[in-house]
Amino acid sequence: MASPSPIDHVVILVQENHTTDNYFRSMAAFGANVATDWPISPNPPASDQPHDRHGYYRWLTKQSTGTHLQFDTVKNLPYYAWLAASGAFIENHCSGYGTNSTPNHLLIVGGQTPTLRNPPRNQPSPVWDMPSLPGHASDHGLIWKAYTGSSGYPVEFYKQLRSSPNIARSADIIKDAQAGSLPALSMVWHDSPLDEHPPADVSKGMDAVWQIVDAITKTGAWDSTVFLLTWDDWGGYDDHVATPDVEVTPDGVQLAYGPRVPLLIFGGRVKPGIDHRWSWHPSIPKTALDLLGLPKLGVPRVDNDKGLADLVDLSASPKLNPAPPAHGTTITQPAPPQPTPVPTPTPTSPVSAPVPVGPIVLRDGTTLPPPNDVPLTTHAGHHST
């Protein structure tokens, strides 16, 4: 069983396809290292731009700039603007890998992926017997639920989780919270348009997240819950920060870290402020393990990560943060400091040199080959950091 903790619930919410620069222009006023002078995106955005492994390679090697736009955060995403300014804003969080959705969702669920692309929809869904955060929670006596869209994506890819009665629809988390049956671990995904995947109206996805947080807060669980809200991948949007080259595919192209994507951590015990360290999607399950008192997952990429649990005050007498605005109310944004803080320089790389992406660890201790199903044409020295 997990060790005692003042944290009763960890809620991980995963939205789609936006970079830190694209979404959080508003945080420049608080000293975040975000662009401030890019064109403002319409809402809904005009298109869904290329963002698979090949699209990332073109962006990485400066053959394209990506889509160079920013949303007006306060206008289009006021609740997110409030959460970012009031909670912990992890400004250098990265998508796990430089590619599109499925691999990055799998990195959030269990820290590894056998594929670097979205499996074809016209073929049976692959199933892998990999360790996962929900399965690990269950193995150690904690109740979990995956609140997904209609297909069960992405937990359908895990043999241990597939067809589990603990897979429910996205909106059911609100019903469970209201009924007092919120599990220790909740992971939440939405169908379009509530997932914010372009060209969806991003305000609709924000409102869906707002309703979930509000329902949990109204039960009195704000002080015993830690929320982690992130976006799966970059979506083809530009971001001005070059991320460290940590893992490479056999063709020598940077795989990790992927581009920066937002990560907001909030709840009554979360220490507010801009956090500058490098983190990536495997940091999310590591943080959940630590907060829920769970042992190692058995996936080195997760177990060796430092996580972000230090942003949560676990003391007996914490300084608690006020709850966020109730759903549907007028939001008054926190006042930024004066004068505006100077952004913190980008941290140095956490590694001296990138390593080849490793094999996939299965639950029985055997392995699958490293993911290498999107080969790229390159030459030595062509990838950049």
Protein backbone atom coordinates (compact mmCIF):
# COMPACT_ATOMS: atom_id res chain seq x y z
CA MET A 1 0.00 0.00 0.00
CA ALA A 2 1.03 3.58 -0.56
CA SER A 3 2.50 5.52 2.36
CA PRO A 4 0.32 8.13 4.12
CA SER A 5 0.20 11.50 2.40
CA PRO A 6 -1.87 14.69 2.65
CA ILE A 7 -2.50 14.28 -1.08
CA ASP A 8 -5.60 12.16 -1.61
CA HIS A 9 -5.99 12.78 -5.34
CA VAL A 10 -3.73 13.36 -8.33
CA VAL A 11 -5.57 14.54 -11.45
CA ILE A 12 -3.65 14.55 -14.75
CA LEU A 13 -5.40 16.39 -17.59
CA VAL A 14 -4.03 16.06 -21.11
CA GLN A 15 -5.08 18.42 -23.88
CA GLU A 16 -3.74 18.65 -27.44
CA ASN A 17 -1.26 20.39 -29.69
CA HIS A 18 0.00 23.75 -28.45
CA THR A 19 3.43 25.07 -27.49
CA THR A 20 4.28 27.24 -24.51
CA ASP A 21 4.87 30.30 -26.71
CA ASN A 22 1.65 29.65 -28.61
CA TYR A 23 -0.55 29.57 -25.50
CA PHE A 24 1.01 31.57 -22.70
CA ARG A 25 2.01 34.98 -24.00
CA SER A 26 0.27 36.28 -20.85
CA MET A 27 3.01 34.90 -18.61
CA ALA A 28 5.60 37.34 -19.99
CA ALA A 29 4.23 39.90 -17.55
CA PHE A 30 5.26 37.59 -14.70
CA GLY A 31 8.79 37.05 -16.03
CA ALA A 32 8.31 33.85 -18.01
CA ASN A 33 10.57 33.16 -20.98
CA VAL A 34 7.87 33.36 -23.64
CA ALA A 35 7.62 35.20 -26.92
CA THR A 36 5.57 38.40 -26.85
CA ASP A 37 5.59 39.84 -30.37
CA TRP A 38 4.21 37.11 -32.61
CA PRO A 39 0.99 37.56 -34.61
CA ILE A 40 -2.18 36.81 -32.67
CA SER A 41 -3.93 33.60 -33.68
CA PRO A 42 -7.59 33.63 -34.57
CA ASN A 43 -9.81 31.45 -32.43
CA PRO A 44 -10.66 28.90 -33.73
CA PRO A 45 -7.24 28.58 -35.37
CA ALA A 46 -7.27 28.42 -39.15
CA SER A 47 -5.81 24.96 -39.65
CA ASP A 48 -4.17 21.85 -38.23
CA GLN A 49 -0.56 22.18 -39.36
CA PRO A 50 1.83 19.23 -39.88
CA HIS A 51 3.31 18.03 -36.61
CA ASP A 52 4.35 14.39 -37.09
CA ARG A 53 7.96 13.19 -36.89
CA HIS A 54 8.70 14.48 -40.39
CA GLY A 55 7.15 17.87 -39.59
CA TYR A 56 9.23 18.06 -36.44
CA TYR A 57 12.39 17.22 -38.38
CA ARG A 58 11.75 20.06 -40.83
CA TRP A 59 11.22 22.44 -37.89
CA LEU A 60 14.27 21.12 -36.01
CA THR A 61 16.56 21.56 -39.02
CA LYS A 62 15.07 25.00 -39.77
CA GLN A 63 13.56 23.94 -43.07
CA SER A 64 10.34 25.44 -41.67
CA THR A 65 9.51 27.77 -38.81
CA GLY A 66 6.37 26.00 -37.73
CA THR A 67 3.23 28.08 -37.35
CA HIS A 68 4.42 31.34 -35.84
CA LEU A 69 1.32 32.47 -33.91
CA GLN A 70 0.19 33.18 -30.35
CA PHE A 71 -3.22 33.19 -28.75
CA ASP A 72 -4.41 36.13 -26.72
CA THR A 73 -4.30 34.16 -23.48
CA VAL A 74 -6.43 36.44 -21.32
CA LYS A 75 -9.07 36.88 -24.02
CA ASN A 76 -9.33 33.31 -25.32
CA LEU A 77 -8.05 31.29 -22.35
CA PRO A 78 -8.75 33.36 -19.23
CA TYR A 79 -9.03 30.41 -16.86
CA TYR A 80 -5.70 29.00 -18.04
CA ALA A 81 -4.15 32.45 -17.68
CA TRP A 82 -5.37 32.55 -14.06
CA LEU A 83 -4.09 29.05 -13.29
CA ALA A 84 -0.67 29.78 -14.81
CA ALA A 85 -0.27 33.01 -12.87
CA SER A 86 -1.58 31.57 -9.58
CA GLY A 87 -0.10 28.06 -9.56
CA ALA A 88 3.18 26.58 -10.74
CA PHE A 89 4.02 27.39 -14.35
CA ILE A 90 6.65 24.95 -15.62
CA GLU A 91 8.06 27.13 -18.38
CA ASN A 92 10.60 24.61 -19.72
CA HIS A 93 8.42 21.53 -19.81
CA CYS A 94 8.78 19.62 -23.08
CA SER A 95 6.80 17.12 -25.03
CA GLY A 96 8.54 13.84 -24.42
CA TYR A 97 9.43 13.27 -28.04
CA GLY A 98 9.63 15.41 -31.16
CA THR A 99 6.67 13.88 -32.94
CA ASN A 100 2.88 13.76 -32.76
CA SER A 101 0.19 12.53 -30.40
CA THR A 102 0.26 8.82 -29.62
CA PRO A 103 3.95 8.54 -28.63
CA ASN A 104 3.61 11.51 -26.30
CA HIS A 105 0.42 10.25 -24.70
CA LEU A 106 2.16 6.94 -24.03
CA LEU A 107 5.08 8.78 -22.41
CA ILE A 108 2.59 10.46 -20.06
CA VAL A 109 0.86 7.19 -19.20
CA GLY A 110 3.94 5.05 -18.74
CA GLY A 111 7.16 6.78 -19.80
CA GLN A 112 7.85 4.85 -23.00
CA THR A 113 6.50 4.25 -26.49
CA PRO A 114 7.15 1.50 -29.04
CA THR A 115 6.09 3.81 -31.88
CA LEU A 116 6.97 7.30 -33.12
CA ARG A 117 3.72 7.83 -35.01
CA ASN A 118 -0.03 7.54 -34.65
CA PRO A 119 -1.08 3.95 -35.46
CA PRO A 120 -3.15 3.76 -38.67
CA ARG A 121 -6.85 4.08 -37.96
CA ASN A 122 -7.76 1.57 -40.67
CA GLN A 123 -5.90 -1.23 -38.88
CA PRO A 124 -6.51 -2.99 -35.56
CA SER A 125 -5.18 -1.01 -32.62
CA PRO A 126 -1.83 -2.30 -31.33
CA VAL A 127 -1.71 -3.55 -27.76
CA TRP A 128 1.49 -3.66 -25.71
CA ASP A 129 1.99 -5.17 -22.27
CA MET A 130 3.91 -2.19 -20.93
CA PRO A 131 3.92 -0.87 -17.36
CA SER A 132 1.63 2.09 -16.85
CA LEU A 133 0.93 4.57 -14.10
CA PRO A 134 -2.73 3.42 -13.70
CA GLY A 135 -1.80 -0.26 -13.72
CA HIS A 136 0.98 0.35 -11.20
CA ALA A 137 -1.44 2.22 -8.93
CA SER A 138 -3.82 -0.72 -9.07
CA ASP A 139 -1.02 -3.18 -8.34
CA HIS A 140 -0.32 -1.27 -5.12
CA GLY A 141 -3.88 -0.91 -3.87
CA LEU A 142 -4.86 2.51 -5.21
CA ILE A 143 -8.02 3.18 -7.17
CA TRP A 144 -7.57 4.78 -10.59
CA LYS A 145 -9.79 5.86 -13.42
CA ALA A 146 -9.01 6.94 -16.97
CA TYR A 147 -11.62 9.40 -18.16
CA THR A 148 -11.28 9.30 -21.93
CA GLY A 149 -13.06 10.13 -25.13
CA SER A 150 -15.32 7.59 -26.79
CA SER A 151 -12.52 5.30 -28.03
CA GLY A 152 -10.66 4.78 -24.76
CA TYR A 153 -7.58 6.41 -26.28
CA PRO A 154 -4.75 6.22 -25.23
CA VAL A 155 -5.12 3.61 -22.46
CA GLU A 156 -6.51 1.16 -25.04
CA PHE A 157 -2.90 0.46 -26.09
CA TYR A 158 -2.06 -1.15 -22.71
CA LYS A 159 -2.88 -4.83 -22.23
CA GLN A 160 -3.34 -4.40 -18.48
CA LEU A 161 -5.76 -1.47 -18.92
CA ARG A 162 -7.64 -2.37 -22.11
CA SER A 163 -11.40 -2.88 -21.53
CA SER A 164 -11.02 -2.11 -17.82
CA PRO A 165 -14.20 -1.04 -16.00
CA ASN A 166 -12.07 1.84 -14.71
CA ILE A 167 -12.14 3.46 -18.16
CA ALA A 168 -14.98 5.98 -18.27
CA ARG A 169 -16.01 8.95 -20.39
CA SER A 170 -14.45 12.37 -19.85
CA ALA A 171 -17.47 14.02 -18.21
CA ASP A 172 -17.85 11.16 -15.72
CA ILE A 173 -15.11 12.66 -13.57
CA ILE A 174 -17.54 15.44 -12.70
CA LYS A 175 -20.18 12.90 -11.64
CA ASP A 176 -17.64 10.94 -9.61
CA ALA A 177 -16.40 14.07 -7.87
CA GLN A 178 -19.95 15.13 -7.03
CA ALA A 179 -20.68 11.63 -5.69
CA GLY A 180 -17.59 11.70 -3.48
CA SER A 181 -15.96 8.85 -5.38
CA LEU A 182 -13.03 10.59 -7.05
CA PRO A 183 -10.21 8.00 -7.27
CA ALA A 184 -6.68 8.49 -6.00
CA LEU A 185 -5.44 8.76 -9.59
CA SER A 186 -7.45 10.34 -12.40
CA MET A 187 -6.22 10.76 -15.96
CA VAL A 188 -8.40 12.81 -18.28
CA TRP A 189 -8.60 13.11 -22.07
CA HIS A 190 -11.30 14.68 -24.24
CA ASP A 191 -12.73 14.07 -27.69
CA SER A 192 -12.65 16.89 -30.24
CA PRO A 193 -13.44 19.76 -29.97
CA LEU A 194 -12.90 19.71 -26.20
CA ASP A 195 -9.31 18.46 -26.60
CA GLU A 196 -8.24 21.82 -28.16
CA HIS A 197 -6.73 20.02 -31.16
CA PRO A 198 -6.63 22.52 -34.05
CA PRO A 199 -8.83 23.71 -35.60
CA ALA A 200 -11.03 23.51 -32.48
CA ASP A 201 -12.18 26.59 -30.59
CA VAL A 202 -9.69 26.47 -27.72
CA SER A 203 -12.08 28.21 -25.33
CA LYS A 204 -14.33 25.13 -25.40
CA GLY A 205 -11.56 22.87 -24.17
CA MET A 206 -10.61 25.34 -21.48
CA ASP A 207 -14.22 25.42 -20.32
CA ALA A 208 -14.31 21.61 -20.08
CA VAL A 209 -11.19 21.66 -17.87
CA TRP A 210 -12.68 24.50 -15.82
CA GLN A 211 -15.81 22.44 -15.14
CA ILE A 212 -13.74 19.48 -13.94
CA VAL A 213 -11.55 21.52 -11.60
CA ASP A 214 -14.60 23.37 -10.31
CA ALA A 215 -16.50 20.16 -9.57
CA ILE A 216 -13.57 18.76 -7.58
CA THR A 217 -13.00 22.04 -5.77
CA LYS A 218 -16.65 22.27 -4.72
CA THR A 219 -16.34 18.94 -2.89
CA GLY A 220 -13.74 20.49 -0.57
CA ALA A 221 -10.87 18.54 -2.14
CA TRP A 222 -8.86 21.54 -3.41
CA ASP A 223 -6.34 21.30 -0.56
CA SER A 224 -5.84 17.53 -0.92
CA THR A 225 -5.65 17.40 -4.73
CA VAL A 226 -2.76 18.10 -7.09
CA PHE A 227 -3.74 18.87 -10.69
CA LEU A 228 -1.26 18.54 -13.56
CA LEU A 229 -2.51 20.06 -16.83
CA THR A 230 -0.44 19.60 -19.96
CA TRP A 231 -0.66 19.35 -23.75
CA ASP A 232 0.48 16.22 -25.56
CA ASP A 233 2.63 17.68 -28.33
CA TRP A 234 3.63 20.85 -30.15
CA GLY A 235 0.96 20.68 -32.85
CA GLY A 236 3.23 22.26 -35.47
CA TYR A 237 3.35 25.57 -33.58
CA ASP A 238 6.65 27.35 -33.19
CA ASP A 239 8.44 27.88 -29.87
CA HIS A 240 11.50 30.09 -29.59
CA VAL A 241 13.42 27.94 -27.07
CA ALA A 242 15.72 25.20 -28.39
CA THR A 243 15.33 22.15 -26.18
CA PRO A 244 18.20 19.88 -25.11
CA ASP A 245 19.22 16.91 -27.26
CA VAL A 246 18.78 14.07 -24.76
CA GLU A 247 17.79 11.02 -26.82
CA VAL A 248 18.34 10.29 -30.51
CA THR A 249 16.96 7.77 -32.98
CA PRO A 250 19.37 5.45 -34.87
CA ASP A 251 19.55 7.99 -37.72
CA GLY A 252 21.06 10.51 -35.31
CA VAL A 253 18.08 12.87 -35.12
CA GLN A 254 17.03 14.44 -31.83
CA LEU A 255 14.02 12.66 -30.36
CA ALA A 256 13.98 14.07 -26.86
CA TYR A 257 13.33 16.57 -25.66
CA GLY A 258 10.55 17.58 -28.00
CA PRO A 259 9.43 21.22 -28.24
CA ARG A 260 8.22 23.05 -25.15
CA VAL A 261 4.56 22.50 -24.26
CA PRO A 262 2.71 23.98 -21.29
CA LEU A 263 2.55 22.26 -17.92
CA LEU A 264 0.52 23.84 -15.13
CA ILE A 265 0.52 22.33 -11.64
CA PHE A 266 -2.06 23.64 -9.20
CA GLY A 267 -4.00 22.81 -6.05
CA GLY A 268 -4.16 24.05 -2.49
CA ARG A 269 -0.70 22.76 -1.56
CA VAL A 270 1.14 23.69 -4.76
CA LYS A 271 3.89 26.28 -4.39
CA PRO A 272 3.11 29.06 -6.88
CA GLY A 273 5.60 30.66 -9.23
CA ILE A 274 7.51 30.12 -12.46
CA ASP A 275 9.63 26.98 -12.38
CA HIS A 276 12.61 27.09 -14.74
CA ARG A 277 14.01 23.54 -14.74
CA TRP A 278 13.84 21.21 -17.71
CA SER A 279 11.10 18.62 -17.46
CA TRP A 280 9.34 16.37 -19.95
CA HIS A 281 6.39 14.04 -20.16
CA PRO A 282 8.03 11.19 -18.17
CA SER A 283 8.29 13.71 -15.31
CA ILE A 284 4.49 13.57 -15.01
CA PRO A 285 4.11 9.90 -14.01
CA LYS A 286 7.20 10.28 -11.78
CA THR A 287 5.54 13.19 -9.98
CA ALA A 288 2.36 11.15 -9.51
CA LEU A 289 4.34 8.20 -8.12
CA ASP A 290 6.00 10.45 -5.57
CA LEU A 291 2.81 12.24 -4.53
CA LEU A 292 0.87 9.00 -4.14
CA GLY A 293 3.67 7.23 -2.30
CA LEU A 294 4.12 4.57 -4.95
CA PRO A 295 7.35 2.63 -5.58
CA LYS A 296 9.32 2.69 -8.81
CA LEU A 297 7.43 1.89 -12.01
CA GLY A 298 10.16 -0.25 -13.53
CA VAL A 299 10.71 2.12 -16.47
CA PRO A 300 14.15 3.77 -16.16
CA ARG A 301 13.04 6.91 -18.02
CA VAL A 302 10.45 7.50 -15.28
CA ASP A 303 12.23 6.09 -12.25
CA ASN A 304 15.43 8.06 -12.90
CA ASP A 305 13.58 11.34 -13.39
CA LYS A 306 13.59 13.77 -10.47
CA GLY A 307 9.93 14.64 -10.95
CA LEU A 308 8.20 17.78 -9.74
CA ALA A 309 6.71 16.68 -6.42
CA ASP A 310 8.93 19.20 -4.62
CA LEU A 311 6.50 21.87 -5.86
CA VAL A 312 3.90 20.49 -3.44
CA ASP A 313 3.96 21.41 0.27
CA LEU A 314 3.46 18.16 2.17
CA SER A 315 4.04 19.68 5.61
CA ALA A 316 1.55 19.41 8.45
CA SER A 317 0.86 23.16 8.34
CA PRO A 318 1.11 24.23 4.71
CA LYS A 319 0.48 27.70 3.37
CA LEU A 320 -2.58 26.96 1.25
CA ASN A 321 -3.48 28.66 -1.99
CA PRO A 322 -6.97 30.07 -2.60
CA ALA A 323 -9.25 28.05 -4.85
CA PRO A 324 -9.67 29.20 -8.45
CA PRO A 325 -12.68 31.14 -9.73
CA ALA A 326 -15.94 29.18 -9.79
CA HIS A 327 -17.06 27.99 -13.19
CA GLY A 328 -18.86 30.65 -15.18
CA THR A 329 -17.87 33.55 -12.95
CA THR A 330 -15.97 36.62 -14.08
CA ILE A 331 -12.23 36.04 -13.76
CA THR A 332 -10.04 38.77 -12.30
CA GLN A 333 -6.48 38.04 -13.36
CA PRO A 334 -3.70 38.24 -10.74
CA ALA A 335 -1.75 41.49 -10.90
CA PRO A 336 1.74 40.97 -12.38
CA PRO A 337 4.72 42.22 -10.37
CA GLN A 338 6.19 45.65 -11.03
CA PRO A 339 8.64 46.10 -12.54
CA THR A 340 8.30 43.10 -14.83
CA PRO A 341 10.89 40.47 -13.82
CA VAL A 342 13.61 39.65 -16.32
CA PRO A 343 13.17 36.13 -17.72
CA THR A 344 15.50 33.51 -16.32
CA PRO A 345 18.04 32.25 -18.88
CA THR A 346 17.31 28.84 -20.33
CA PRO A 347 18.96 26.17 -18.16
CA THR A 348 21.89 24.16 -19.45
CA SER A 349 21.22 20.69 -20.81
CA PRO A 350 20.79 18.02 -18.14
CA VAL A 351 23.10 15.69 -20.11
CA SER A 352 26.58 16.10 -21.56
CA ALA A 353 25.66 14.18 -24.72
CA PRO A 354 22.52 12.53 -26.09
CA VAL A 355 22.04 8.78 -25.77
CA PRO A 356 20.37 6.39 -28.21
CA VAL A 357 16.71 5.77 -27.43
CA GLY A 358 16.54 2.54 -25.46
CA PRO A 359 14.44 -0.61 -25.68
CA ILE A 360 10.88 -0.89 -24.41
CA VAL A 361 10.50 -2.65 -21.06
CA LEU A 362 7.50 -4.95 -20.77
CA ARG A 363 5.72 -6.01 -17.59
CA ASP A 364 7.26 -9.48 -17.65
CA GLY A 365 10.78 -8.06 -17.81
CA THR A 366 11.34 -8.74 -21.49
CA THR A 367 11.94 -5.94 -23.97
CA LEU A 368 10.93 -4.72 -27.40
CA PRO A 369 13.34 -2.96 -29.78
CA PRO A 370 13.66 0.83 -29.48
CA PRO A 371 11.08 2.79 -31.48
CA ASN A 372 12.38 3.40 -34.99
CA ASP A 373 9.33 3.27 -37.26
CA VAL A 374 9.73 6.77 -38.76
CA PRO A 375 13.19 6.80 -40.39
CA LEU A 376 14.45 10.18 -41.51
CA THR A 377 16.99 11.02 -44.18
CA THR A 378 19.81 12.94 -42.55
CA HIS A 379 23.57 13.04 -42.31
CA ALA A 380 25.98 13.32 -39.44
CA GLY A 381 25.81 16.63 -37.65
CA HIS A 382 22.60 17.72 -39.36
CA HIS A 383 20.40 17.54 -36.30
CA SER A 384 20.49 20.57 -34.06
CA THR A 385 19.77 21.41 -30.47
